[in-house]
Amino acid sequence: MPKTTAFAFLIHTAAFNPPHMSAYKPSFLKKINKLFVLTGLVPTLLATVYFGLWASDVYTSESSFVVRSPEKPSASTLGVLLKGAGFSSARDESYTVQSYILSRDALAVLMAELALEAGIPAGVFNVVPGYGPEAGSPLALHMDVDCIAFTGSTRVGKQIHVMAGQSNLKRAWTELGGKSPNIVFADCPNLDKAVAAAVGSIFFNQGESCNAPSRLFVEESIKDAFLEKALAMVPNFQPANPLDKSTVMGAIVDKVQMDNVLRYIGLGESEGAKLLAGGKQALTETGGCYVQPTIFDGVTNHMTIAREEIFGPVLSVLSFTDTASVVEQANASIYGLQAGVWTSDINKAHGVARALRAGTVHVNQYDEDDITVPFGGFKQSGVGRDKSLHAFDKYTEVKTTWIRIDSPV
């Protein structure tokens, strides 16, 4: 078994089959247990690691793995650097980690230590500390890096593409921001499920998710009933200590982002949106960066909270009366990462899904996907696709070789 595949198998075994870990020495078990306790690694992350490691085994003769970690203990990301394709991964500090999260700086080093103990040669799995100026920019501008992948804000993603062009025209793949529309028609097959998905998905991870359904379009005839059910769920998402296992919604990543979320809430109120719930900083006595789950009604597409990515627990509710108008409103965004459609009419579902300019469209559910399908956006939500076999295309090159054979037969 290739060593990189063995490492993926080792991580999987530790997560899902602890009894089978007895064959490994105690020092290794201690490290890997610490990794899982502190990060709360989930199957999605492990599957992402699988695909990254598998890609190196199958498509390259030489590979490297990079963990990008900021010097401050706010977040760390796991990426993959394929020397054969010259791929690296980076993230700007203002954007919360998604698939590749390691909870703190030291865990990036721990991952590298685990790789060494698993048998991966020294120098293959590298820890590169630093924010954009120290790590991201040099990689994006380096003439020997042939491909770079970035997950983060659209602002920084654009800079990555510019630097790629300024250097060696390296392949640049980006997974950036979103302002995902979630459209609920009056013929929604299960209103309770639609409400639970709308509320749960926007407040998941404190709203710090690129594909959060932050724009909720509800058909006018059912909006009051929908909002009544949604507001009844808000108390379940009151922020609390992230280390408490019963906590559903924790803290914003840092004070800068919390202040930005609160600024957007202020803009929503000043521009005429109706604040139905939340809107304030929470748990101020703790000194933590907590924001109440917030819902605005009466939002229109020209408002700032409907146009710009907030990256926080803020839901903007818009109403509509016909299919054509809601599709037009949903597409009136610079982003196109994800969308949701709720209807009992299969023809309507197909038509709306086709018309929406989004990389992923969920019908009668939201975020119930897995690693086997591609994920990525249209417009300014990025370039390329993560997950699935399509992700391999980003880190390989298509090459054609013609050989003349003068056969006597």
Protein backbone atom coordinates (compact mmCIF):
# COMPACT_ATOMS: atom_id res chain seq x y z
CA MET A 1 0.00 0.00 0.00
CA PRO A 2 1.45 3.44 -0.89
CA LYS A 3 2.48 5.39 2.20
CA THR A 4 0.05 8.24 1.53
CA THR A 5 -2.80 5.76 1.25
CA ALA A 6 -1.58 4.14 4.46
CA PHE A 7 -1.74 7.52 6.18
CA ALA A 8 -5.32 8.03 5.05
CA PHE A 9 -6.17 4.53 6.24
CA LEU A 10 -4.54 5.28 9.58
CA ILE A 11 -6.59 8.45 10.07
CA HIS A 12 -9.77 6.59 9.12
CA THR A 13 -8.99 3.74 11.52
CA ALA A 14 -8.43 6.15 14.40
CA ALA A 15 -11.74 7.86 13.74
CA PHE A 16 -14.04 4.95 13.03
CA ASN A 17 -12.37 1.79 14.32
CA PRO A 18 -10.56 2.66 17.58
CA PRO A 19 -10.19 -1.02 18.66
CA HIS A 20 -8.01 -1.68 15.60
CA MET A 21 -5.54 1.00 16.71
CA SER A 22 -3.99 -1.32 19.30
CA ALA A 23 -1.27 -2.31 16.85
CA TYR A 24 0.24 1.16 16.94
CA LYS A 25 2.67 2.31 19.61
CA PRO A 26 1.35 4.37 22.56
CA SER A 27 3.07 7.62 21.57
CA PHE A 28 1.36 7.56 18.20
CA LEU A 29 -2.01 6.73 19.74
CA LYS A 30 -1.64 9.62 22.14
CA LYS A 31 -0.99 12.05 19.32
CA ILE A 32 -3.80 10.85 17.09
CA ASN A 33 -6.28 10.80 19.98
CA LYS A 34 -5.31 14.38 20.80
CA LEU A 35 -5.85 15.33 17.18
CA PHE A 36 -9.39 13.98 17.13
CA VAL A 37 -10.33 15.32 20.56
CA LEU A 38 -9.19 18.86 19.82
CA THR A 39 -10.37 19.16 16.24
CA GLY A 40 -13.56 17.12 16.30
CA LEU A 41 -12.69 15.73 12.88
CA VAL A 42 -15.70 14.52 10.92
CA PRO A 43 -16.19 12.09 8.02
CA THR A 44 -16.35 14.96 5.51
CA LEU A 45 -12.86 16.09 6.48
CA LEU A 46 -11.55 12.56 6.36
CA ALA A 47 -13.07 12.00 2.94
CA THR A 48 -11.43 15.23 1.77
CA VAL A 49 -8.10 13.96 3.07
CA TYR A 50 -8.74 10.66 1.27
CA PHE A 51 -9.27 12.37 -2.08
CA GLY A 52 -6.18 14.53 -1.65
CA LEU A 53 -3.98 11.58 -0.73
CA TRP A 54 -5.51 9.33 -3.37
CA ALA A 55 -4.88 11.93 -6.05
CA SER A 56 -1.19 11.98 -5.21
CA ASP A 57 -0.97 8.19 -5.32
CA VAL A 58 -2.74 7.86 -8.64
CA TYR A 59 -1.65 10.90 -10.61
CA THR A 60 1.80 11.98 -9.47
CA SER A 61 5.15 10.37 -8.99
CA GLU A 62 6.19 12.85 -6.34
CA SER A 63 3.88 14.67 -3.94
CA SER A 64 3.88 17.02 -0.99
CA PHE A 65 1.30 17.97 1.55
CA VAL A 66 1.05 21.39 3.11
CA VAL A 67 -0.72 22.49 6.27
CA ARG A 68 -1.14 26.25 6.16
CA SER A 69 -1.34 27.59 9.67
CA PRO A 70 -1.53 31.21 10.84
CA GLU A 71 0.85 32.27 13.58
CA LYS A 72 -2.12 33.21 15.75
CA PRO A 73 -4.23 30.30 17.11
CA SER A 74 -7.43 31.35 15.35
CA ALA A 75 -7.62 28.70 12.63
CA SER A 76 -5.49 26.33 10.58
CA THR A 77 -6.15 24.68 7.28
CA LEU A 78 -5.06 21.48 5.71
CA GLY A 79 -4.26 21.64 2.04
CA VAL A 80 -2.44 19.55 -0.50
CA LEU A 81 0.69 20.48 -2.42
CA LEU A 82 1.28 18.19 -5.34
CA LYS A 83 4.81 18.78 -6.62
CA GLY A 84 4.02 17.05 -9.86
CA ALA A 85 1.23 19.53 -10.53
CA GLY A 86 2.67 22.23 -8.29
CA PHE A 87 -0.47 22.58 -6.19
CA SER A 88 -0.62 24.45 -2.92
CA SER A 89 -3.44 25.49 -0.62
CA ALA A 90 -3.83 28.73 1.31
CA ARG A 91 -6.47 30.68 3.14
CA ASP A 92 -6.81 34.29 4.28
CA GLU A 93 -7.22 34.84 8.00
CA SER A 94 -10.61 36.60 7.71
CA TYR A 95 -12.37 33.48 6.45
CA THR A 96 -13.29 30.61 8.74
CA VAL A 97 -11.99 27.17 7.80
CA GLN A 98 -14.53 24.73 6.34
CA SER A 99 -13.59 21.25 5.09
CA TYR A 100 -9.97 21.33 6.21
CA ILE A 101 -10.23 22.70 9.73
CA LEU A 102 -7.62 22.07 12.38
CA SER A 103 -8.56 23.91 15.51
CA ARG A 104 -5.25 25.58 16.40
CA ASP A 105 -1.73 26.21 15.24
CA ALA A 106 -0.09 23.36 17.13
CA LEU A 107 -2.34 20.77 15.51
CA ALA A 108 -0.87 21.52 12.11
CA VAL A 109 2.50 20.44 13.46
CA LEU A 110 0.84 17.44 15.08
CA MET A 111 -0.51 16.33 11.69
CA ALA A 112 3.01 16.47 10.26
CA GLU A 113 4.34 14.44 13.18
CA LEU A 114 1.65 11.83 12.58
CA ALA A 115 2.61 11.69 8.91
CA LEU A 116 6.23 11.01 9.82
CA GLU A 117 5.28 8.26 12.22
CA ALA A 118 3.01 6.75 9.58
CA GLY A 119 6.01 6.36 7.31
CA ILE A 120 5.66 9.33 4.95
CA PRO A 121 9.23 10.52 4.15
CA ALA A 122 10.49 13.73 5.72
CA GLY A 123 9.89 16.74 3.49
CA VAL A 124 6.74 15.37 1.87
CA PHE A 125 4.26 16.70 4.44
CA ASN A 126 5.25 20.28 5.25
CA VAL A 127 3.93 22.82 7.71
CA VAL A 128 4.08 26.36 6.34
CA PRO A 129 3.09 28.97 8.96
CA GLY A 130 2.02 32.47 8.06
CA TYR A 131 -0.78 34.59 6.66
CA GLY A 132 -1.07 35.86 3.10
CA PRO A 133 2.04 38.05 2.93
CA GLU A 134 4.34 35.33 4.31
CA ALA A 135 2.77 32.21 2.81
CA GLY A 136 -0.02 32.83 0.31
CA SER A 137 1.55 35.56 -1.83
CA PRO A 138 4.96 33.89 -2.21
CA LEU A 139 3.27 30.68 -3.33
CA ALA A 140 0.97 32.50 -5.75
CA LEU A 141 3.90 34.43 -7.24
CA HIS A 142 6.45 31.62 -7.25
CA MET A 143 7.68 30.64 -10.70
CA ASP A 144 8.08 26.98 -9.74
CA VAL A 145 4.52 26.53 -8.47
CA ASP A 146 2.38 25.43 -11.39
CA CYS A 147 -1.00 25.32 -9.66
CA ILE A 148 -2.50 26.96 -6.58
CA ALA A 149 -5.85 26.38 -4.89
CA PHE A 150 -7.37 28.87 -2.48
CA THR A 151 -10.44 28.83 -0.26
CA GLY A 152 -11.47 32.15 1.25
CA SER A 153 -12.88 35.55 0.46
CA THR A 154 -13.63 36.72 -3.06
CA ARG A 155 -11.42 39.76 -2.48
CA VAL A 156 -8.33 37.65 -1.75
CA GLY A 157 -9.30 35.09 -4.39
CA LYS A 158 -9.10 37.79 -7.04
CA GLN A 159 -5.62 38.69 -5.79
CA ILE A 160 -4.58 35.05 -6.13
CA HIS A 161 -5.71 35.02 -9.77
CA VAL A 162 -3.88 38.28 -10.46
CA MET A 163 -0.65 36.96 -8.91
CA ALA A 164 -1.00 33.75 -10.89
CA GLY A 165 -1.11 35.82 -14.07
CA GLN A 166 1.73 38.07 -12.97
CA SER A 167 4.04 35.11 -12.42
CA ASN A 168 4.03 31.98 -14.58
CA LEU A 169 0.31 31.87 -15.48
CA LYS A 170 -0.09 29.03 -13.00
CA ARG A 171 -3.44 27.28 -12.73
CA ALA A 172 -5.47 29.02 -10.02
CA TRP A 173 -8.50 27.35 -8.48
CA THR A 174 -10.65 29.23 -6.01
CA GLU A 175 -13.60 28.44 -3.75
CA LEU A 176 -14.82 31.84 -2.61
CA GLY A 177 -17.82 33.65 -1.16
CA GLY A 178 -21.52 33.12 -1.52
CA LYS A 179 -24.93 34.66 -0.95
CA SER A 180 -26.96 31.55 -1.50
CA PRO A 181 -30.70 31.84 -2.19
CA ASN A 182 -33.10 29.38 -0.57
CA ILE A 183 -36.47 29.46 -2.36
CA VAL A 184 -39.60 28.10 -0.68
CA PHE A 185 -42.71 27.85 -2.85
CA ALA A 186 -46.25 27.65 -1.47
CA ASP A 187 -46.47 24.03 -2.63
CA CYS A 188 -43.50 23.05 -0.46
CA PRO A 189 -44.04 19.37 0.42
CA ASN A 190 -43.02 19.74 4.07
CA LEU A 191 -43.04 23.22 5.58
CA ASP A 192 -41.59 22.08 8.91
CA LYS A 193 -38.64 20.48 7.16
CA ALA A 194 -38.09 23.57 5.02
CA VAL A 195 -38.10 25.78 8.12
CA ALA A 196 -35.70 23.51 9.96
CA ALA A 197 -33.31 23.46 7.00
CA ALA A 198 -33.48 27.22 6.45
CA VAL A 199 -32.84 28.06 10.10
CA GLY A 200 -30.38 25.29 10.83
CA SER A 201 -28.27 25.92 7.74
CA ILE A 202 -27.86 29.68 8.25
CA PHE A 203 -27.00 29.33 11.94
CA PHE A 204 -24.75 26.31 11.41
CA ASN A 205 -21.18 27.22 12.34
CA GLN A 206 -22.47 30.66 13.38
CA GLY A 207 -23.24 31.41 9.74
CA GLU A 208 -19.54 31.26 8.93
CA SER A 209 -20.02 29.05 5.92
CA CYS A 210 -19.54 30.01 2.28
CA ASN A 211 -22.67 28.14 1.17
CA ALA A 212 -24.96 29.32 4.00
CA PRO A 213 -28.48 30.05 2.67
CA SER A 214 -28.40 33.67 3.81
CA ARG A 215 -31.13 34.83 1.39
CA LEU A 216 -34.47 33.18 2.13
CA PHE A 217 -37.16 33.69 -0.52
CA VAL A 218 -40.60 32.66 0.74
CA GLU A 219 -43.74 32.81 -1.39
CA GLU A 220 -45.97 35.57 -0.04
CA SER A 221 -48.97 33.35 0.72
CA ILE A 222 -47.03 31.19 3.22
CA LYS A 223 -44.52 33.70 4.56
CA ASP A 224 -46.32 34.45 7.84
CA ALA A 225 -46.71 30.78 8.68
CA PHE A 226 -43.09 30.13 7.74
CA LEU A 227 -41.76 32.96 9.89
CA GLU A 228 -43.85 31.92 12.86
CA LYS A 229 -42.24 28.47 12.77
CA ALA A 230 -38.78 29.93 12.14
CA LEU A 231 -38.94 32.33 15.07
CA ALA A 232 -40.01 29.48 17.35
CA MET A 233 -36.72 27.73 16.51
CA VAL A 234 -34.42 30.69 17.21
CA PRO A 235 -34.09 30.02 20.97
CA ASN A 236 -32.49 26.67 20.11
CA PHE A 237 -29.57 28.50 18.51
CA GLN A 238 -28.64 30.92 21.28
CA PRO A 239 -24.83 31.09 21.39
CA ALA A 240 -23.00 29.34 24.20
CA ASN A 241 -19.62 27.96 25.20
CA PRO A 242 -18.21 26.04 22.19
CA LEU A 243 -16.54 23.53 24.52
CA ASP A 244 -19.91 22.50 25.95
CA LYS A 245 -21.16 19.44 24.05
CA SER A 246 -24.75 20.70 24.26
CA THR A 247 -23.90 23.97 22.49
CA VAL A 248 -25.45 24.35 19.03
CA MET A 249 -24.01 27.73 18.06
CA GLY A 250 -20.68 28.98 19.34
CA ALA A 251 -18.51 32.05 18.88
CA ILE A 252 -17.61 34.09 15.82
CA VAL A 253 -14.01 33.45 14.74
CA ASP A 254 -12.62 36.74 16.13
CA LYS A 255 -13.53 40.27 17.18
CA VAL A 256 -12.87 41.73 13.73
CA GLN A 257 -15.43 39.42 12.17
CA MET A 258 -17.90 39.93 15.02
CA ASP A 259 -17.71 43.69 14.57
CA ASN A 260 -18.25 43.23 10.84
CA VAL A 261 -21.36 41.10 11.42
CA LEU A 262 -22.76 43.69 13.83
CA ARG A 263 -22.00 46.41 11.27
CA TYR A 264 -24.09 44.57 8.67
CA ILE A 265 -26.93 44.18 11.17
CA GLY A 266 -26.84 47.94 11.71
CA LEU A 267 -26.96 48.51 7.96
CA GLY A 268 -29.96 46.21 7.68
CA GLU A 269 -31.87 48.27 10.24
CA SER A 270 -30.83 51.62 8.78
CA GLU A 271 -31.80 50.56 5.24
CA GLY A 272 -35.32 49.61 6.29
CA ALA A 273 -35.30 45.87 6.99
CA LYS A 274 -37.45 44.70 9.90
CA LEU A 275 -35.49 43.03 12.68
CA LEU A 276 -37.48 40.03 13.90
CA ALA A 277 -34.92 38.32 16.13
CA GLY A 278 -31.45 38.87 17.54
CA GLY A 279 -29.34 41.67 16.22
CA LYS A 280 -27.09 42.08 19.27
CA GLN A 281 -23.81 40.87 20.65
CA ALA A 282 -24.37 38.07 23.15
CA LEU A 283 -22.59 36.88 26.29
CA THR A 284 -20.62 40.12 26.57
CA GLU A 285 -19.63 39.24 30.12
CA THR A 286 -17.51 36.35 28.82
CA GLY A 287 -15.34 38.52 26.61
CA GLY A 288 -16.09 36.14 23.74
CA CYS A 289 -17.18 37.00 20.21
CA TYR A 290 -20.83 35.93 20.29
CA VAL A 291 -23.67 37.24 18.11
CA GLN A 292 -27.33 36.43 18.58
CA PRO A 293 -29.06 34.46 15.79
CA THR A 294 -30.59 37.22 13.69
CA ILE A 295 -33.54 37.28 11.29
CA PHE A 296 -34.58 40.22 9.09
CA ASP A 297 -37.91 40.45 7.27
CA GLY A 298 -38.93 42.94 4.59
CA VAL A 299 -35.56 42.70 2.88
CA THR A 300 -35.21 43.78 -0.74
CA ASN A 301 -32.46 42.94 -3.20
CA HIS A 302 -30.99 46.45 -3.20
CA MET A 303 -30.20 46.30 0.54
CA THR A 304 -26.62 45.67 1.59
CA ILE A 305 -27.54 42.63 3.69
CA ALA A 306 -29.07 41.02 0.60
CA ARG A 307 -26.09 41.77 -1.66
CA GLU A 308 -22.94 41.26 0.40
CA GLU A 309 -21.69 38.17 2.17
CA ILE A 310 -21.99 38.73 5.92
CA PHE A 311 -20.43 35.46 7.07
CA GLY A 312 -22.40 35.41 10.28
CA PRO A 313 -25.72 34.24 11.78
CA VAL A 314 -27.90 36.67 9.84
CA LEU A 315 -30.89 35.54 7.74
CA SER A 316 -32.48 37.92 5.25
CA VAL A 317 -36.09 37.09 4.32
CA LEU A 318 -37.51 38.23 0.99
CA SER A 319 -40.96 37.48 -0.44
CA PHE A 320 -42.14 36.74 -3.97
CA THR A 321 -45.35 36.00 -5.87
CA ASP A 322 -44.28 34.27 -9.09
CA THR A 323 -41.57 31.93 -10.28
CA ALA A 324 -40.00 34.19 -12.89
CA SER A 325 -39.51 37.06 -10.46
CA VAL A 326 -37.92 34.91 -7.74
CA VAL A 327 -35.44 33.39 -10.20
CA GLU A 328 -34.54 36.88 -11.37
CA GLN A 329 -34.05 38.05 -7.77
CA ALA A 330 -32.05 34.97 -6.82
CA ASN A 331 -29.70 35.44 -9.78
CA ALA A 332 -29.24 39.16 -9.07
CA SER A 333 -26.02 38.51 -7.16
CA ILE A 334 -22.31 38.54 -7.91
CA TYR A 335 -22.18 35.09 -6.29
CA GLY A 336 -23.40 31.70 -7.48
CA LEU A 337 -22.23 29.03 -5.10
CA GLN A 338 -25.34 27.19 -3.94
CA ALA A 339 -29.14 27.39 -3.88
CA GLY A 340 -32.19 25.61 -2.51
CA VAL A 341 -35.63 24.99 -4.03
CA TRP A 342 -38.68 23.69 -2.15
CA THR A 343 -41.66 22.56 -4.24
CA SER A 344 -43.89 19.53 -4.88
CA ASP A 345 -43.92 20.25 -8.61
CA ILE A 346 -41.14 18.26 -10.28
CA ASN A 347 -41.39 20.36 -13.45
CA LYS A 348 -41.01 23.55 -11.46
CA ALA A 349 -38.08 22.05 -9.56
CA HIS A 350 -36.26 21.16 -12.78
CA GLY A 351 -37.00 24.49 -14.42
CA VAL A 352 -35.93 26.62 -11.48
CA ALA A 353 -32.83 24.53 -10.79
CA ARG A 354 -31.79 24.90 -14.43
CA ALA A 355 -32.38 28.66 -14.38
CA LEU A 356 -30.50 29.35 -11.17
CA ARG A 357 -26.90 30.43 -11.70
CA ALA A 358 -25.43 28.32 -8.93
CA GLY A 359 -22.92 25.48 -8.83
CA THR A 360 -25.11 23.35 -6.58
CA VAL A 361 -28.91 23.33 -6.28
CA HIS A 362 -30.66 21.36 -3.52
CA VAL A 363 -34.30 20.41 -4.05
CA ASN A 364 -36.51 19.83 -0.97
CA GLN A 365 -33.43 19.68 1.26
CA TYR A 366 -30.32 21.75 1.93
CA ASP A 367 -26.71 20.61 2.33
CA GLU A 368 -27.54 16.91 2.24
CA ASP A 369 -24.65 16.11 -0.08
CA ASP A 370 -21.40 14.17 0.19
CA ILE A 371 -17.85 13.92 -1.07
CA THR A 372 -18.79 12.05 -4.26
CA VAL A 373 -20.36 15.05 -6.04
CA PRO A 374 -18.56 18.17 -7.28
CA PHE A 375 -18.81 21.39 -5.30
CA GLY A 376 -17.98 24.86 -6.59
CA GLY A 377 -19.53 28.07 -7.78
CA PHE A 378 -20.50 30.24 -10.72
CA LYS A 379 -19.59 33.90 -11.14
CA GLN A 380 -17.52 35.38 -8.30
CA SER A 381 -17.96 32.33 -6.08
CA GLY A 382 -14.85 30.83 -7.61
CA VAL A 383 -13.26 28.73 -10.32
CA GLY A 384 -13.11 24.94 -10.43
CA ARG A 385 -14.75 22.16 -8.44
CA ASP A 386 -13.83 20.49 -5.16
CA LYS A 387 -14.82 16.97 -4.14
CA SER A 388 -15.63 14.05 -6.47
CA LEU A 389 -13.54 12.76 -9.36
CA HIS A 390 -13.89 16.18 -11.01
CA ALA A 391 -11.54 17.61 -8.37
CA PHE A 392 -8.70 15.55 -9.83
CA ASP A 393 -8.88 17.62 -13.00
CA LYS A 394 -7.57 20.64 -11.11
CA TYR A 395 -4.32 18.96 -10.14
CA THR A 396 -3.46 17.16 -13.34
CA GLU A 397 -2.71 18.22 -16.89
CA VAL A 398 -4.09 16.70 -20.08
CA LYS A 399 -1.24 15.80 -22.39
CA THR A 400 -1.31 14.47 -25.94
CA THR A 401 1.49 12.42 -27.51
CA TRP A 402 1.41 11.41 -31.20
CA ILE A 403 3.66 8.55 -32.32
CA ARG A 404 4.09 7.63 -35.93
CA ILE A 405 4.26 3.89 -36.57
CA ASP A 406 5.30 2.79 -40.02
CA SER A 407 3.99 -0.73 -39.95
CA PRO A 408 4.87 -3.05 -42.84
CA VAL A 409 1.57 -4.86 -42.33
